[in-house]
Amino acid sequence: MNVEYYSSLLVQLKDISKEKRRGKLTKVVLFLHDQATAHRALATQKKLAYLGFHCLDHPPYSPDLTPLDYHLFPGLKNQLKGRHFSSDAPLLEALRVV
């Protein structure tokens, strides 16, 4: 994906969201982009500003706290909610049970 193609997708997104969300589209649309070249390019940032979209800063990568993966494991989160583990062994055992 290059910058030109991605910018054209943003325009299409704006048009489609206007059509599908009539009266519900706020003045600001927030994006959480990763660090892909097409997302961080100056031309993309200018297109986002022109369309009225705001880009949230992507948090630094952390292998144990990847924000975009939180939605992938809702059952696991519910099973482990409120539990504390003093070492890896009890945690791994709890994960095997789930």
Protein backbone atom coordinates (compact mmCIF):
# COMPACT_ATOMS: atom_id res chain seq x y z
CA MET A 1 0.00 0.00 0.00
CA ASN A 2 1.41 3.38 -0.89
CA VAL A 3 0.54 6.88 0.31
CA GLU A 4 -1.55 7.84 -2.74
CA TYR A 5 -3.71 4.73 -2.53
CA TYR A 6 -4.16 5.08 1.23
CA SER A 7 -5.13 8.74 0.87
CA SER A 8 -7.77 7.80 -1.69
CA LEU A 9 -9.14 5.21 0.74
CA LEU A 10 -9.46 7.91 3.39
CA VAL A 11 -11.54 10.04 1.03
CA GLN A 12 -13.76 7.04 0.26
CA LEU A 13 -14.10 6.36 3.97
CA LYS A 14 -15.24 9.93 4.60
CA ASP A 15 -17.84 9.71 1.80
CA ILE A 16 -19.16 6.33 2.90
CA SER A 17 -19.33 7.32 6.57
CA LYS A 18 -21.29 10.47 5.65
CA GLU A 19 -23.77 8.36 3.72
CA LYS A 20 -24.16 5.57 6.25
CA ARG A 21 -24.08 7.69 9.41
CA ARG A 22 -26.28 10.61 8.35
CA GLY A 23 -26.74 12.97 11.25
CA LYS A 24 -24.50 10.86 13.48
CA LEU A 25 -21.10 11.78 12.11
CA THR A 26 -19.33 14.11 14.46
CA LYS A 27 -16.97 16.78 13.26
CA VAL A 28 -13.98 14.75 14.37
CA VAL A 29 -13.08 11.16 13.47
CA LEU A 30 -10.29 9.59 15.52
CA PHE A 31 -7.83 7.09 14.05
CA LEU A 32 -5.43 4.82 15.85
CA HIS A 33 -2.80 4.00 13.25
CA ASP A 34 0.16 1.77 13.61
CA GLN A 35 3.63 2.80 12.49
CA ALA A 36 3.22 1.77 8.83
CA THR A 37 4.96 4.04 6.33
CA ALA A 38 1.73 4.94 4.54
CA HIS A 39 0.12 5.94 7.85
CA ARG A 40 2.98 8.14 9.04
CA ALA A 41 3.73 9.88 5.73
CA LEU A 42 3.39 13.65 5.59
CA ALA A 43 0.93 13.44 2.67
CA THR A 44 -1.31 11.12 4.72
CA GLN A 45 -1.17 13.43 7.72
CA LYS A 46 -2.15 16.38 5.52
CA LYS A 47 -5.04 14.38 4.01
CA LEU A 48 -6.26 13.41 7.48
CA ALA A 49 -6.22 17.06 8.57
CA TYR A 50 -7.99 18.16 5.37
CA LEU A 51 -10.76 15.59 5.92
CA GLY A 52 -11.13 16.57 9.58
CA PHE A 53 -9.77 13.29 10.91
CA HIS A 54 -7.49 13.25 13.96
CA CYS A 55 -4.82 10.62 14.44
CA LEU A 56 -4.13 9.30 17.93
CA ASP A 57 -0.52 8.59 18.75
CA HIS A 58 0.23 4.89 18.69
CA PRO A 59 1.69 3.79 22.02
CA PRO A 60 5.19 2.38 22.00
CA TYR A 61 5.33 -1.35 21.42
CA SER A 62 5.21 -3.49 24.50
CA PRO A 63 5.12 -7.26 24.06
CA ASP A 64 3.06 -7.75 27.21
CA LEU A 65 0.66 -4.82 26.69
CA THR A 66 -0.31 -4.62 23.03
CA PRO A 67 -3.44 -2.41 23.06
CA LEU A 68 -4.76 -3.65 19.73
CA ASP A 69 -4.87 -7.24 21.01
CA TYR A 70 -7.08 -6.58 24.05
CA HIS A 71 -10.27 -7.41 22.16
CA LEU A 72 -8.94 -10.78 21.03
CA PHE A 73 -9.09 -12.44 24.42
CA PRO A 74 -12.31 -11.37 26.22
CA GLY A 75 -12.98 -14.86 27.64
CA LEU A 76 -9.46 -15.10 28.97
CA LYS A 77 -9.70 -11.66 30.54
CA ASN A 78 -12.97 -12.58 32.27
CA GLN A 79 -11.51 -15.79 33.70
CA LEU A 80 -8.40 -14.06 35.05
CA LYS A 81 -10.09 -10.85 36.23
CA GLY A 82 -9.08 -9.90 39.76
CA ARG A 83 -6.60 -12.74 40.17
CA HIS A 84 -2.98 -12.09 41.07
CA PHE A 85 -0.09 -14.46 40.47
CA SER A 86 3.20 -14.43 42.36
CA SER A 87 5.08 -16.32 39.65
CA ASP A 88 4.70 -17.68 36.13
CA ALA A 89 3.87 -21.26 37.16
CA PRO A 90 0.42 -20.56 38.70
CA LEU A 91 -0.40 -18.23 35.81
CA LEU A 92 0.47 -20.87 33.23
CA GLU A 93 -1.63 -23.42 35.11
CA ALA A 94 -4.60 -21.03 35.18
CA LEU A 95 -4.20 -20.48 31.45
CA ARG A 96 -4.25 -24.22 30.77
CA VAL A 97 -7.55 -24.56 32.65
CA VAL A 98 -9.18 -21.74 30.67
